Amino acid sequence: MIRHLTFRRAAALALALGLAAGAGAVPPAAPGVYQYVVHKAEGTVDTVASAVADAAPAAGFQVLARLPAGSLAGCGYKAEVIALYEPEYGQKLVAADRRTGPFAVVDRVNVFADENGVHVSLVNPRSIVRTVLMHDQKHAALIESHLAALRQWLATAVKGLPAEEDYGQRRERGHIGKTMGIMAGGPFTDKVQDVSVIGGDDWKGTAERVRAGLSKKGPKWGMQLAYALEIPEAETVVLGSTGTPMDSRSFEIVGAGADSSRNRLKCPGLAHAGAYPIEVVVTKDAGSVRVRVVDTMYRMKMYFEDAGKWAFMKNMGMPGSIQDEIAAQVRPAVAAR
């Protein structure tokens, strides 16, 4: 507990100093979807991921899952994603928006290797939370404090070259527009879809049935339960689902994304492994229990838009088939109550 408070106090001080130093300064660059924390980390992907998982509880973060990511044939490099939850932060996000907040409560840290060594990066809340909550500045202090705390203990847990550069799609604001004027844009709240709506108020029982359905591996994309996070004060359960070949195909499509310095690497797309798992939310809302997902094409744009318009056009059928696979796991399980 003492260590957790120390992290929080240091994060708050860093935020205050940053805000003071920023007065009258040049505005920062638009945030990327991901942010590096360490380059050339000492150890292997496995040992560095273990160091992250071991350090998380003392910093107040629950480890929900450690997930090896899929890779390309002949790649030779690995990635592992650690899914984390910090209760105070998660509760504030859900309180900020009961409908959308649950889709942003889980932090994901990506430990991956390439020709330049082992790297640690994270999904950047400056980008993702702005989109999910649909308010670019309203929750800035919460986001900055959380990011500072997360970065601090990660940098302490992993030895290597400190890093802080963003990568992935850079967005000036949280709102995501349509690609070519037609594809998957708009307010996040409009992209939250009900897979199933069940009468009554048995959100826990429904979540258990959804959990059982997701535990059966999907036939095409390998979608399968990765974690289940209960948020009892919100009568909500967030379940993560991921699979190979879905992730490996995604990494192949995005490649180096917007980072041209990674073009010559064997499997540059592993830097985007933090995009997964996909969230499936069970919640009691508006007099019913609802099973919700984000429109998968929109979610792909959130995390992989730097793949470029042409990559999205060539693979337009992939997001819908992933969502269909999740729905096929969920709906029979819910109906079997």
C-alpha atoms as a PDB file:
ATOM      1  CA  MET A   1       0.000   0.000   0.000  1.00  0.00           C
ATOM      2  CA  ILE A   2       2.829   2.419   0.853  1.00  0.00           C
ATOM      3  CA  ARG A   3       4.470   1.732  -2.493  1.00  0.00           C
ATOM      4  CA  HIS A   4       1.177   2.238  -4.314  1.00  0.00           C
ATOM      5  CA  LEU A   5       0.693   5.615  -2.657  1.00  0.00           C
ATOM      6  CA  THR A   6       4.236   6.612  -3.533  1.00  0.00           C
ATOM      7  CA  PHE A   7       3.604   5.876  -7.199  1.00  0.00           C
ATOM      8  CA  ARG A   8       0.402   7.922  -7.107  1.00  0.00           C
ATOM      9  CA  ARG A   9       2.015  10.904  -5.378  1.00  0.00           C
ATOM     10  CA  ALA A  10       4.925  10.877  -7.797  1.00  0.00           C
ATOM     11  CA  ALA A  11       2.541  10.681 -10.744  1.00  0.00           C
ATOM     12  CA  ALA A  12       0.491  13.607  -9.448  1.00  0.00           C
ATOM     13  CA  LEU A  13       3.675  15.657  -8.912  1.00  0.00           C
ATOM     14  CA  ALA A  14       4.892  14.836 -12.432  1.00  0.00           C
ATOM     15  CA  LEU A  15       1.554  15.938 -13.845  1.00  0.00           C
ATOM     16  CA  ALA A  16       1.616  19.215 -11.914  1.00  0.00           C
ATOM     17  CA  LEU A  17       5.175  19.981 -13.000  1.00  0.00           C
ATOM     18  CA  GLY A  18       4.332  19.124 -16.590  1.00  0.00           C
ATOM     19  CA  LEU A  19       1.338  21.437 -16.617  1.00  0.00           C
ATOM     20  CA  ALA A  20       3.362  24.256 -15.071  1.00  0.00           C
ATOM     21  CA  ALA A  21       6.251  23.820 -17.495  1.00  0.00           C
ATOM     22  CA  GLY A  22       3.834  23.705 -20.410  1.00  0.00           C
ATOM     23  CA  ALA A  23       2.410  27.168 -19.822  1.00  0.00           C
ATOM     24  CA  GLY A  24       3.097  29.201 -22.937  1.00  0.00           C
ATOM     25  CA  ALA A  25       4.999  26.302 -24.566  1.00  0.00           C
ATOM     26  CA  VAL A  26       4.484  24.910 -28.067  1.00  0.00           C
ATOM     27  CA  PRO A  27       1.483  22.515 -28.038  1.00  0.00           C
ATOM     28  CA  PRO A  28       2.541  18.837 -27.948  1.00  0.00           C
ATOM     29  CA  ALA A  29       2.205  16.636 -31.014  1.00  0.00           C
ATOM     30  CA  ALA A  30      -1.036  14.745 -31.469  1.00  0.00           C
ATOM     31  CA  PRO A  31      -0.915  11.538 -29.392  1.00  0.00           C
ATOM     32  CA  GLY A  32      -0.410   8.186 -31.039  1.00  0.00           C
ATOM     33  CA  VAL A  33      -2.457   5.104 -30.256  1.00  0.00           C
ATOM     34  CA  TYR A  34       0.570   3.460 -28.622  1.00  0.00           C
ATOM     35  CA  GLN A  35       3.515   4.730 -26.595  1.00  0.00           C
ATOM     36  CA  TYR A  36       6.923   3.194 -25.923  1.00  0.00           C
ATOM     37  CA  VAL A  37       8.190   2.922 -22.350  1.00  0.00           C
ATOM     38  CA  VAL A  38      11.422   0.948 -22.745  1.00  0.00           C
ATOM     39  CA  HIS A  39      13.688   0.014 -25.677  1.00  0.00           C
ATOM     40  CA  LYS A  40      16.412  -2.638 -25.507  1.00  0.00           C
ATOM     41  CA  ALA A  41      14.913  -4.130 -22.361  1.00  0.00           C
ATOM     42  CA  GLU A  42      17.196  -6.487 -20.470  1.00  0.00           C
ATOM     43  CA  GLY A  43      15.954 -10.047 -20.846  1.00  0.00           C
ATOM     44  CA  THR A  44      13.707 -12.010 -23.175  1.00  0.00           C
ATOM     45  CA  VAL A  45      10.064 -11.328 -23.984  1.00  0.00           C
ATOM     46  CA  ASP A  46       9.119 -13.967 -21.411  1.00  0.00           C
ATOM     47  CA  THR A  47      11.296 -12.622 -18.583  1.00  0.00           C
ATOM     48  CA  VAL A  48      10.370  -8.990 -19.236  1.00  0.00           C
ATOM     49  CA  ALA A  49       6.651  -9.841 -19.348  1.00  0.00           C
ATOM     50  CA  SER A  50       7.092 -11.707 -16.045  1.00  0.00           C
ATOM     51  CA  ALA A  51       8.773  -8.651 -14.520  1.00  0.00           C
ATOM     52  CA  VAL A  52       5.823  -6.490 -15.589  1.00  0.00           C
ATOM     53  CA  ALA A  53       3.265  -8.943 -14.204  1.00  0.00           C
ATOM     54  CA  ASP A  54       5.185  -9.342 -10.932  1.00  0.00           C
ATOM     55  CA  ALA A  55       5.464  -5.570 -10.367  1.00  0.00           C
ATOM     56  CA  ALA A  56       1.857  -4.678 -11.159  1.00  0.00           C
ATOM     57  CA  PRO A  57       0.138  -5.631  -7.843  1.00  0.00           C
ATOM     58  CA  ALA A  58       2.450  -3.486  -5.706  1.00  0.00           C
ATOM     59  CA  ALA A  59       1.555  -0.511  -7.915  1.00  0.00           C
ATOM     60  CA  GLY A  60      -2.183  -1.142  -7.449  1.00  0.00           C
ATOM     61  CA  PHE A  61      -2.815  -2.886 -10.787  1.00  0.00           C
ATOM     62  CA  GLN A  62      -4.557  -6.251 -11.129  1.00  0.00           C
ATOM     63  CA  VAL A  63      -3.120  -8.642 -13.710  1.00  0.00           C
ATOM     64  CA  LEU A  64      -6.076  -9.946 -15.724  1.00  0.00           C
ATOM     65  CA  ALA A  65      -4.121 -12.016 -18.237  1.00  0.00           C
ATOM     66  CA  ARG A  66      -0.805 -12.674 -19.922  1.00  0.00           C
ATOM     67  CA  LEU A  67      -1.406 -13.402 -23.578  1.00  0.00           C
ATOM     68  CA  PRO A  68       1.135 -14.576 -26.153  1.00  0.00           C
ATOM     69  CA  ALA A  69       0.345 -12.831 -29.435  1.00  0.00           C
ATOM     70  CA  GLY A  70       0.210 -14.570 -32.775  1.00  0.00           C
ATOM     71  CA  SER A  71       3.088 -14.051 -35.175  1.00  0.00           C
ATOM     72  CA  LEU A  72       3.792 -14.419 -38.868  1.00  0.00           C
ATOM     73  CA  ALA A  73       5.217 -17.613 -40.332  1.00  0.00           C
ATOM     74  CA  GLY A  74       8.992 -17.419 -40.377  1.00  0.00           C
ATOM     75  CA  CYS A  75       9.063 -14.304 -38.223  1.00  0.00           C
ATOM     76  CA  GLY A  76      11.085 -15.705 -35.335  1.00  0.00           C
ATOM     77  CA  TYR A  77      10.060 -12.939 -32.904  1.00  0.00           C
ATOM     78  CA  LYS A  78       7.447 -12.940 -30.151  1.00  0.00           C
ATOM     79  CA  ALA A  79       5.086 -10.586 -28.383  1.00  0.00           C
ATOM     80  CA  GLU A  80       3.175 -10.919 -25.131  1.00  0.00           C
ATOM     81  CA  VAL A  81       0.360  -8.672 -23.944  1.00  0.00           C
ATOM     82  CA  ILE A  82      -0.322  -8.117 -20.240  1.00  0.00           C
ATOM     83  CA  ALA A  83      -3.894  -6.957 -19.536  1.00  0.00           C
ATOM     84  CA  LEU A  84      -4.157  -4.819 -16.382  1.00  0.00           C
ATOM     85  CA  TYR A  85      -6.838  -3.110 -14.314  1.00  0.00           C
ATOM     86  CA  GLU A  86      -6.487  -0.327 -11.755  1.00  0.00           C
ATOM     87  CA  PRO A  87      -9.800  -0.182  -9.831  1.00  0.00           C
ATOM     88  CA  GLU A  88      -9.913   3.513  -8.913  1.00  0.00           C
ATOM     89  CA  TYR A  89      -9.176   4.565 -12.484  1.00  0.00           C
ATOM     90  CA  GLY A  90     -11.624   2.042 -13.939  1.00  0.00           C
ATOM     91  CA  GLN A  91     -14.417   3.156 -11.656  1.00  0.00           C
ATOM     92  CA  LYS A  92     -13.904   6.782 -12.671  1.00  0.00           C
ATOM     93  CA  LEU A  93     -14.090   5.917 -16.366  1.00  0.00           C
ATOM     94  CA  VAL A  94     -17.331   4.003 -15.891  1.00  0.00           C
ATOM     95  CA  ALA A  95     -18.755   6.828 -13.779  1.00  0.00           C
ATOM     96  CA  ALA A  96     -17.823   9.293 -16.547  1.00  0.00           C
ATOM     97  CA  ASP A  97     -19.873   7.363 -19.111  1.00  0.00           C
ATOM     98  CA  ARG A  98     -21.878   4.302 -18.119  1.00  0.00           C
ATOM     99  CA  ARG A  99     -22.307   3.182 -21.747  1.00  0.00           C
ATOM    100  CA  THR A 100     -18.822   3.670 -23.150  1.00  0.00           C
ATOM    101  CA  GLY A 101     -16.479   3.759 -20.154  1.00  0.00           C
ATOM    102  CA  PRO A 102     -16.223  -0.033 -19.702  1.00  0.00           C
ATOM    103  CA  PHE A 103     -14.518  -0.284 -23.097  1.00  0.00           C
ATOM    104  CA  ALA A 104     -11.515   1.698 -21.836  1.00  0.00           C
ATOM    105  CA  VAL A 105     -10.933   0.368 -18.315  1.00  0.00           C
ATOM    106  CA  VAL A 106      -8.363  -2.306 -19.200  1.00  0.00           C
ATOM    107  CA  ASP A 107      -4.760  -1.228 -19.794  1.00  0.00           C
ATOM    108  CA  ARG A 108      -2.674  -3.317 -22.172  1.00  0.00           C
ATOM    109  CA  VAL A 109       1.120  -3.503 -22.064  1.00  0.00           C
ATOM    110  CA  ASN A 110       2.885  -5.018 -25.069  1.00  0.00           C
ATOM    111  CA  VAL A 111       6.274  -6.703 -24.636  1.00  0.00           C
ATOM    112  CA  PHE A 112       7.668  -7.572 -28.059  1.00  0.00           C
ATOM    113  CA  ALA A 113      10.943  -8.309 -29.779  1.00  0.00           C
ATOM    114  CA  ASP A 114      12.448  -7.423 -33.133  1.00  0.00           C
ATOM    115  CA  GLU A 115      15.881  -7.045 -34.697  1.00  0.00           C
ATOM    116  CA  ASN A 116      16.562  -4.100 -32.357  1.00  0.00           C
ATOM    117  CA  GLY A 117      15.876  -5.955 -29.116  1.00  0.00           C
ATOM    118  CA  VAL A 118      12.969  -6.240 -26.673  1.00  0.00           C
ATOM    119  CA  HIS A 119      10.558  -3.321 -26.308  1.00  0.00           C
ATOM    120  CA  VAL A 120       7.819  -2.401 -23.827  1.00  0.00           C
ATOM    121  CA  SER A 121       4.937  -0.243 -25.004  1.00  0.00           C
ATOM    122  CA  LEU A 122       1.403   0.477 -23.886  1.00  0.00           C
ATOM    123  CA  VAL A 123      -1.945   1.469 -25.333  1.00  0.00           C
ATOM    124  CA  ASN A 124      -1.959   5.230 -24.953  1.00  0.00           C
ATOM    125  CA  PRO A 125      -4.947   6.517 -22.927  1.00  0.00           C
ATOM    126  CA  ARG A 126      -4.356  10.004 -24.342  1.00  0.00           C
ATOM    127  CA  SER A 127      -5.637   8.660 -27.647  1.00  0.00           C
ATOM    128  CA  ILE A 128      -8.028   5.853 -26.758  1.00  0.00           C
ATOM    129  CA  VAL A 129      -9.812   7.330 -23.733  1.00  0.00           C
ATOM    130  CA  ARG A 130     -10.462  10.591 -25.608  1.00  0.00           C
ATOM    131  CA  THR A 131     -12.252   8.542 -28.263  1.00  0.00           C
ATOM    132  CA  VAL A 132     -14.179   6.313 -25.848  1.00  0.00           C
ATOM    133  CA  LEU A 133     -15.384   9.143 -23.585  1.00  0.00           C
ATOM    134  CA  MET A 134     -15.894  11.598 -26.477  1.00  0.00           C
ATOM    135  CA  HIS A 135     -14.537  14.552 -24.495  1.00  0.00           C
ATOM    136  CA  ASP A 136     -11.116  15.757 -25.632  1.00  0.00           C
ATOM    137  CA  GLN A 137     -10.221  17.835 -22.557  1.00  0.00           C
ATOM    138  CA  LYS A 138     -12.753  17.097 -19.823  1.00  0.00           C
ATOM    139  CA  HIS A 139     -10.897  14.074 -18.435  1.00  0.00           C
ATOM    140  CA  ALA A 140      -7.346  15.162 -19.285  1.00  0.00           C
ATOM    141  CA  ALA A 141      -6.163  15.298 -15.652  1.00  0.00           C
ATOM    142  CA  LEU A 142      -7.428  11.766 -14.964  1.00  0.00           C
ATOM    143  CA  ILE A 143      -5.751  10.438 -18.103  1.00  0.00           C
ATOM    144  CA  GLU A 144      -2.427  12.159 -17.414  1.00  0.00           C
ATOM    145  CA  SER A 145      -2.269  11.011 -13.797  1.00  0.00           C
ATOM    146  CA  HIS A 146      -3.019   7.429 -14.767  1.00  0.00           C
ATOM    147  CA  LEU A 147      -0.526   7.407 -17.631  1.00  0.00           C
ATOM    148  CA  ALA A 148       2.214   8.857 -15.405  1.00  0.00           C
ATOM    149  CA  ALA A 149       1.621   6.217 -12.719  1.00  0.00           C
ATOM    150  CA  LEU A 150       1.579   3.392 -15.258  1.00  0.00           C
ATOM    151  CA  ARG A 151       4.760   4.557 -16.955  1.00  0.00           C
ATOM    152  CA  GLN A 152       6.573   5.056 -13.672  1.00  0.00           C
ATOM    153  CA  TRP A 153       6.214   1.565 -12.309  1.00  0.00           C
ATOM    154  CA  LEU A 154       6.810  -0.027 -15.723  1.00  0.00           C
ATOM    155  CA  ALA A 155      10.064   1.890 -16.084  1.00  0.00           C
ATOM    156  CA  THR A 156      11.067   0.767 -12.580  1.00  0.00           C
ATOM    157  CA  ALA A 157      10.168  -2.876 -13.233  1.00  0.00           C
ATOM    158  CA  VAL A 158      12.028  -3.180 -16.548  1.00  0.00           C
ATOM    159  CA  LYS A 159      15.666  -2.237 -17.060  1.00  0.00           C
ATOM    160  CA  GLY A 160      16.618  -0.838 -20.437  1.00  0.00           C
ATOM    161  CA  LEU A 161      16.702   2.348 -22.459  1.00  0.00           C
ATOM    162  CA  PRO A 162      13.877   4.710 -21.343  1.00  0.00           C
ATOM    163  CA  ALA A 163      11.552   5.735 -24.169  1.00  0.00           C
ATOM    164  CA  GLU A 164       8.478   7.901 -24.525  1.00  0.00           C
ATOM    165  CA  GLU A 165       7.761   8.304 -28.229  1.00  0.00           C
ATOM    166  CA  ASP A 166       4.237   7.665 -29.498  1.00  0.00           C
ATOM    167  CA  TYR A 167       3.469   5.546 -32.559  1.00  0.00           C
ATOM    168  CA  GLY A 168       0.461   4.269 -34.461  1.00  0.00           C
ATOM    169  CA  GLN A 169      -2.245   6.566 -35.780  1.00  0.00           C
ATOM    170  CA  ARG A 170      -1.907  10.130 -34.483  1.00  0.00           C
ATOM    171  CA  ARG A 171      -5.157  11.991 -33.845  1.00  0.00           C
ATOM    172  CA  GLU A 172      -5.681  15.650 -33.092  1.00  0.00           C
ATOM    173  CA  ARG A 173      -8.953  14.826 -31.317  1.00  0.00           C
ATOM    174  CA  GLY A 174     -10.915  11.875 -30.012  1.00  0.00           C
ATOM    175  CA  HIS A 175     -13.544  11.841 -32.738  1.00  0.00           C
ATOM    176  CA  ILE A 176     -12.730   9.397 -35.555  1.00  0.00           C
ATOM    177  CA  GLY A 177     -14.039  10.345 -38.979  1.00  0.00           C
ATOM    178  CA  LYS A 178     -15.174   8.085 -41.798  1.00  0.00           C
ATOM    179  CA  THR A 179     -12.629   6.615 -44.176  1.00  0.00           C
ATOM    180  CA  MET A 180     -13.264   7.880 -47.719  1.00  0.00           C
ATOM    181  CA  GLY A 181     -16.446   9.431 -46.375  1.00  0.00           C
ATOM    182  CA  ILE A 182     -18.247   6.106 -45.924  1.00  0.00           C
ATOM    183  CA  MET A 183     -16.461   3.687 -43.615  1.00  0.00           C
ATOM    184  CA  ALA A 184     -16.774   3.313 -39.836  1.00  0.00           C
ATOM    185  CA  GLY A 185     -16.626   6.820 -38.436  1.00  0.00           C
ATOM    186  CA  GLY A 186     -18.603   8.851 -35.920  1.00  0.00           C
ATOM    187  CA  PRO A 187     -19.065   9.196 -32.147  1.00  0.00           C
ATOM    188  CA  PHE A 188     -17.923   6.173 -30.156  1.00  0.00           C
ATOM    189  CA  THR A 189     -21.243   5.882 -28.347  1.00  0.00           C
ATOM    190  CA  ASP A 190     -23.002   5.237 -31.670  1.00  0.00           C
ATOM    191  CA  LYS A 191     -20.651   2.312 -32.337  1.00  0.00           C
ATOM    192  CA  VAL A 192     -21.524   0.428 -29.141  1.00  0.00           C
ATOM    193  CA  GLN A 193     -23.835  -2.358 -30.293  1.00  0.00           C
ATOM    194  CA  ASP A 194     -26.060  -4.793 -28.395  1.00  0.00           C
ATOM    195  CA  VAL A 195     -25.273  -8.388 -29.363  1.00  0.00           C
ATOM    196  CA  SER A 196     -28.045  -9.611 -27.055  1.00  0.00           C
ATOM    197  CA  VAL A 197     -30.656  -7.980 -24.809  1.00  0.00           C
ATOM    198  CA  ILE A 198     -32.021 -10.132 -21.984  1.00  0.00           C
ATOM    199  CA  GLY A 199     -34.959  -9.290 -19.765  1.00  0.00           C
ATOM    200  CA  GLY A 200     -34.556  -9.193 -16.000  1.00  0.00           C
ATOM    201  CA  ASP A 201     -31.577  -8.148 -13.935  1.00  0.00           C
ATOM    202  CA  ASP A 202     -29.360 -11.251 -13.693  1.00  0.00           C
ATOM    203  CA  TRP A 203     -26.207  -9.609 -15.008  1.00  0.00           C
ATOM    204  CA  LYS A 204     -23.917 -11.986 -13.144  1.00  0.00           C
ATOM    205  CA  GLY A 205     -25.653 -15.087 -14.484  1.00  0.00           C
ATOM    206  CA  THR A 206     -25.653 -13.662 -17.989  1.00  0.00           C
ATOM    207  CA  ALA A 207     -21.951 -12.865 -17.708  1.00  0.00           C
ATOM    208  CA  GLU A 208     -21.236 -16.457 -16.690  1.00  0.00           C
ATOM    209  CA  ARG A 209     -23.110 -17.763 -19.727  1.00  0.00           C
ATOM    210  CA  VAL A 210     -21.280 -15.364 -22.021  1.00  0.00           C
ATOM    211  CA  ARG A 211     -18.030 -16.431 -20.417  1.00  0.00           C
ATOM    212  CA  ALA A 212     -18.838 -20.064 -21.159  1.00  0.00           C
ATOM    213  CA  GLY A 213     -19.714 -19.233 -24.760  1.00  0.00           C
ATOM    214  CA  LEU A 214     -16.510 -17.299 -25.342  1.00  0.00           C
ATOM    215  CA  SER A 215     -14.479 -20.147 -23.836  1.00  0.00           C
ATOM    216  CA  LYS A 216     -15.206 -22.261 -26.926  1.00  0.00           C
ATOM    217  CA  LYS A 217     -12.646 -21.414 -29.584  1.00  0.00           C
ATOM    218  CA  GLY A 218     -14.052 -19.778 -32.697  1.00  0.00           C
ATOM    219  CA  PRO A 219     -13.679 -21.737 -35.956  1.00  0.00           C
ATOM    220  CA  LYS A 220     -12.206 -19.075 -38.269  1.00  0.00           C
ATOM    221  CA  TRP A 221     -10.378 -16.457 -36.218  1.00  0.00           C
ATOM    222  CA  GLY A 222      -9.747 -18.525 -33.079  1.00  0.00           C
ATOM    223  CA  MET A 223     -11.632 -16.069 -30.848  1.00  0.00           C
ATOM    224  CA  GLN A 224     -11.537 -17.242 -27.244  1.00  0.00           C
ATOM    225  CA  LEU A 225     -11.919 -15.889 -23.718  1.00  0.00           C
ATOM    226  CA  ALA A 226      -8.816 -14.118 -22.436  1.00  0.00           C
ATOM    227  CA  TYR A 227     -10.042 -12.591 -19.149  1.00  0.00           C
ATOM    228  CA  ALA A 228     -13.169 -11.665 -17.208  1.00  0.00           C
ATOM    229  CA  LEU A 229     -13.250  -8.500 -15.095  1.00  0.00           C
ATOM    230  CA  GLU A 230     -16.193  -7.876 -12.776  1.00  0.00           C
ATOM    231  CA  ILE A 231     -17.009  -4.267 -11.863  1.00  0.00           C
ATOM    232  CA  PRO A 232     -19.741  -4.870  -9.273  1.00  0.00           C
ATOM    233  CA  GLU A 233     -20.475  -1.225  -8.467  1.00  0.00           C
ATOM    234  CA  ALA A 234     -21.480  -0.774 -12.123  1.00  0.00           C
ATOM    235  CA  GLU A 235     -23.253  -4.161 -12.404  1.00  0.00           C
ATOM    236  CA  THR A 236     -20.900  -4.842 -15.291  1.00  0.00           C
ATOM    237  CA  VAL A 237     -18.488  -7.529 -16.445  1.00  0.00           C
ATOM    238  CA  VAL A 238     -15.858  -6.847 -19.099  1.00  0.00           C
ATOM    239  CA  LEU A 239     -14.670  -9.936 -20.958  1.00  0.00           C
ATOM    240  CA  GLY A 240     -11.696  -9.960 -23.294  1.00  0.00           C
ATOM    241  CA  SER A 241     -11.616 -12.145 -26.393  1.00  0.00           C
ATOM    242  CA  THR A 242      -8.722 -12.704 -28.757  1.00  0.00           C
ATOM    243  CA  GLY A 243      -7.371 -15.331 -31.085  1.00  0.00           C
ATOM    244  CA  THR A 244      -4.963 -16.454 -33.726  1.00  0.00           C
ATOM    245  CA  PRO A 245      -5.124 -16.173 -36.766  1.00  0.00           C
ATOM    246  CA  MET A 246      -7.049 -12.920 -36.149  1.00  0.00           C
ATOM    247  CA  ASP A 247      -4.138 -11.179 -34.447  1.00  0.00           C
ATOM    248  CA  SER A 248      -1.405 -12.485 -36.759  1.00  0.00           C
ATOM    249  CA  ARG A 249      -3.443 -11.465 -39.818  1.00  0.00           C
ATOM    250  CA  SER A 250      -3.919  -7.987 -38.309  1.00  0.00           C
ATOM    251  CA  PHE A 251      -0.185  -7.617 -37.740  1.00  0.00           C
ATOM    252  CA  GLU A 252       0.493  -8.705 -41.316  1.00  0.00           C
ATOM    253  CA  ILE A 253      -1.953  -6.112 -42.679  1.00  0.00           C
ATOM    254  CA  VAL A 254      -0.698  -3.157 -40.620  1.00  0.00           C
ATOM    255  CA  GLY A 255       2.991  -3.919 -41.100  1.00  0.00           C
ATOM    256  CA  ALA A 256       5.077  -0.952 -39.975  1.00  0.00           C
ATOM    257  CA  GLY A 257       2.016   1.302 -40.103  1.00  0.00           C
ATOM    258  CA  ALA A 258       3.035   4.946 -40.011  1.00  0.00           C
ATOM    259  CA  ASP A 259       6.538   4.169 -38.692  1.00  0.00           C
ATOM    260  CA  SER A 260       8.736   3.951 -41.789  1.00  0.00           C
ATOM    261  CA  SER A 261      11.764   3.136 -39.615  1.00  0.00           C
ATOM    262  CA  ARG A 262      10.279  -0.352 -39.082  1.00  0.00           C
ATOM    263  CA  ASN A 263       9.717  -1.113 -42.776  1.00  0.00           C
ATOM    264  CA  ARG A 264      12.743  -3.411 -43.085  1.00  0.00           C
ATOM    265  CA  LEU A 265      11.970  -5.481 -40.006  1.00  0.00           C
ATOM    266  CA  LYS A 266      10.760  -9.062 -40.413  1.00  0.00           C
ATOM    267  CA  CYS A 267       7.489  -8.631 -38.487  1.00  0.00           C
ATOM    268  CA  PRO A 268       6.962  -4.933 -37.661  1.00  0.00           C
ATOM    269  CA  GLY A 269       3.264  -5.423 -36.933  1.00  0.00           C
ATOM    270  CA  LEU A 270       4.025  -6.974 -33.532  1.00  0.00           C
ATOM    271  CA  ALA A 271       4.337  -3.408 -32.229  1.00  0.00           C
ATOM    272  CA  HIS A 272       0.516  -3.249 -32.570  1.00  0.00           C
ATOM    273  CA  ALA A 273      -0.140  -6.363 -30.453  1.00  0.00           C
ATOM    274  CA  GLY A 274      -1.579  -4.190 -27.671  1.00  0.00           C
ATOM    275  CA  ALA A 275      -4.717  -3.726 -29.808  1.00  0.00           C
ATOM    276  CA  TYR A 276      -6.104  -6.994 -28.446  1.00  0.00           C
ATOM    277  CA  PRO A 277      -8.100  -8.508 -26.712  1.00  0.00           C
ATOM    278  CA  ILE A 278     -11.461  -7.220 -27.990  1.00  0.00           C
ATOM    279  CA  GLU A 279     -13.910  -6.181 -25.248  1.00  0.00           C
ATOM    280  CA  VAL A 280     -17.281  -7.877 -24.740  1.00  0.00           C
ATOM    281  CA  VAL A 281     -19.281  -6.037 -22.064  1.00  0.00           C
ATOM    282  CA  VAL A 282     -22.170  -7.488 -20.058  1.00  0.00           C
ATOM    283  CA  THR A 283     -24.051  -4.804 -18.169  1.00  0.00           C
ATOM    284  CA  LYS A 284     -27.373  -4.008 -16.564  1.00  0.00           C
ATOM    285  CA  ASP A 285     -28.747  -0.929 -18.300  1.00  0.00           C
ATOM    286  CA  ALA A 286     -32.155   0.582 -19.096  1.00  0.00           C
ATOM    287  CA  GLY A 287     -34.089  -2.198 -17.349  1.00  0.00           C
ATOM    288  CA  SER A 288     -32.345  -5.048 -19.176  1.00  0.00           C
ATOM    289  CA  VAL A 289     -29.101  -6.978 -19.207  1.00  0.00           C
ATOM    290  CA  ARG A 290     -27.171  -6.231 -22.375  1.00  0.00           C
ATOM    291  CA  VAL A 291     -24.211  -7.894 -24.065  1.00  0.00           C
ATOM    292  CA  ARG A 292     -22.298  -5.230 -25.978  1.00  0.00           C
ATOM    293  CA  VAL A 293     -19.391  -4.918 -28.376  1.00  0.00           C
ATOM    294  CA  VAL A 294     -17.947  -2.035 -30.358  1.00  0.00           C
ATOM    295  CA  ASP A 295     -18.553  -2.227 -34.101  1.00  0.00           C
ATOM    296  CA  THR A 296     -15.475  -4.184 -35.108  1.00  0.00           C
ATOM    297  CA  MET A 297     -14.614  -2.126 -38.180  1.00  0.00           C
ATOM    298  CA  TYR A 298     -14.644   1.001 -36.009  1.00  0.00           C
ATOM    299  CA  ARG A 299     -12.503  -0.715 -33.398  1.00  0.00           C
ATOM    300  CA  MET A 300     -10.024  -1.749 -36.076  1.00  0.00           C
ATOM    301  CA  LYS A 301      -9.782   1.899 -37.083  1.00  0.00           C
ATOM    302  CA  MET A 302      -9.092   2.881 -33.481  1.00  0.00           C
ATOM    303  CA  TYR A 303      -6.007   0.663 -33.292  1.00  0.00           C
ATOM    304  CA  PHE A 304      -4.889   0.019 -36.877  1.00  0.00           C
ATOM    305  CA  GLU A 305      -5.851   3.099 -38.894  1.00  0.00           C
ATOM    306  CA  ASP A 306      -2.203   3.795 -39.698  1.00  0.00           C
ATOM    307  CA  ALA A 307      -2.316   0.713 -41.942  1.00  0.00           C
ATOM    308  CA  GLY A 308      -3.762   3.100 -44.530  1.00  0.00           C
ATOM    309  CA  LYS A 309      -6.987   3.377 -46.509  1.00  0.00           C
ATOM    310  CA  TRP A 310      -6.008   0.821 -49.119  1.00  0.00           C
ATOM    311  CA  ALA A 311      -5.299  -1.856 -46.489  1.00  0.00           C
ATOM    312  CA  PHE A 312      -8.754  -1.267 -44.990  1.00  0.00           C
ATOM    313  CA  MET A 313     -10.431  -1.422 -48.397  1.00  0.00           C
ATOM    314  CA  LYS A 314      -8.734  -4.727 -49.278  1.00  0.00           C
ATOM    315  CA  ASN A 315      -9.765  -6.331 -45.979  1.00  0.00           C
ATOM    316  CA  MET A 316     -13.254  -4.906 -45.482  1.00  0.00           C
ATOM    317  CA  GLY A 317     -14.770  -8.324 -44.801  1.00  0.00           C
ATOM    318  CA  MET A 318     -12.456  -9.215 -41.924  1.00  0.00           C
ATOM    319  CA  PRO A 319     -13.934  -7.037 -39.119  1.00  0.00           C
ATOM    320  CA  GLY A 320     -17.506  -8.158 -39.803  1.00  0.00           C
ATOM    321  CA  SER A 321     -16.551 -11.826 -39.786  1.00  0.00           C
ATOM    322  CA  ILE A 322     -14.747 -11.382 -36.453  1.00  0.00           C
ATOM    323  CA  GLN A 323     -17.852  -9.776 -34.968  1.00  0.00           C
ATOM    324  CA  ASP A 324     -20.003 -12.571 -36.407  1.00  0.00           C
ATOM    325  CA  GLU A 325     -17.744 -15.149 -34.751  1.00  0.00           C
ATOM    326  CA  ILE A 326     -18.117 -13.453 -31.355  1.00  0.00           C
ATOM    327  CA  ALA A 327     -21.895 -13.176 -31.786  1.00  0.00           C
ATOM    328  CA  ALA A 328     -22.086 -16.879 -32.699  1.00  0.00           C
ATOM    329  CA  GLN A 329     -20.320 -17.716 -29.424  1.00  0.00           C
ATOM    330  CA  VAL A 330     -22.452 -15.362 -27.301  1.00  0.00           C
ATOM    331  CA  ARG A 331     -26.030 -15.703 -28.545  1.00  0.00           C
ATOM    332  CA  PRO A 332     -26.520 -19.475 -28.118  1.00  0.00           C
ATOM    333  CA  ALA A 333     -24.905 -19.326 -24.682  1.00  0.00           C
ATOM    334  CA  VAL A 334     -27.258 -16.552 -23.567  1.00  0.00           C
ATOM    335  CA  ALA A 335     -30.295 -18.280 -25.048  1.00  0.00           C
ATOM    336  CA  ALA A 336     -29.501 -21.463 -23.120  1.00  0.00           C
ATOM    337  CA  ARG A 337     -30.340 -19.909 -19.739  1.00  0.00           C
END
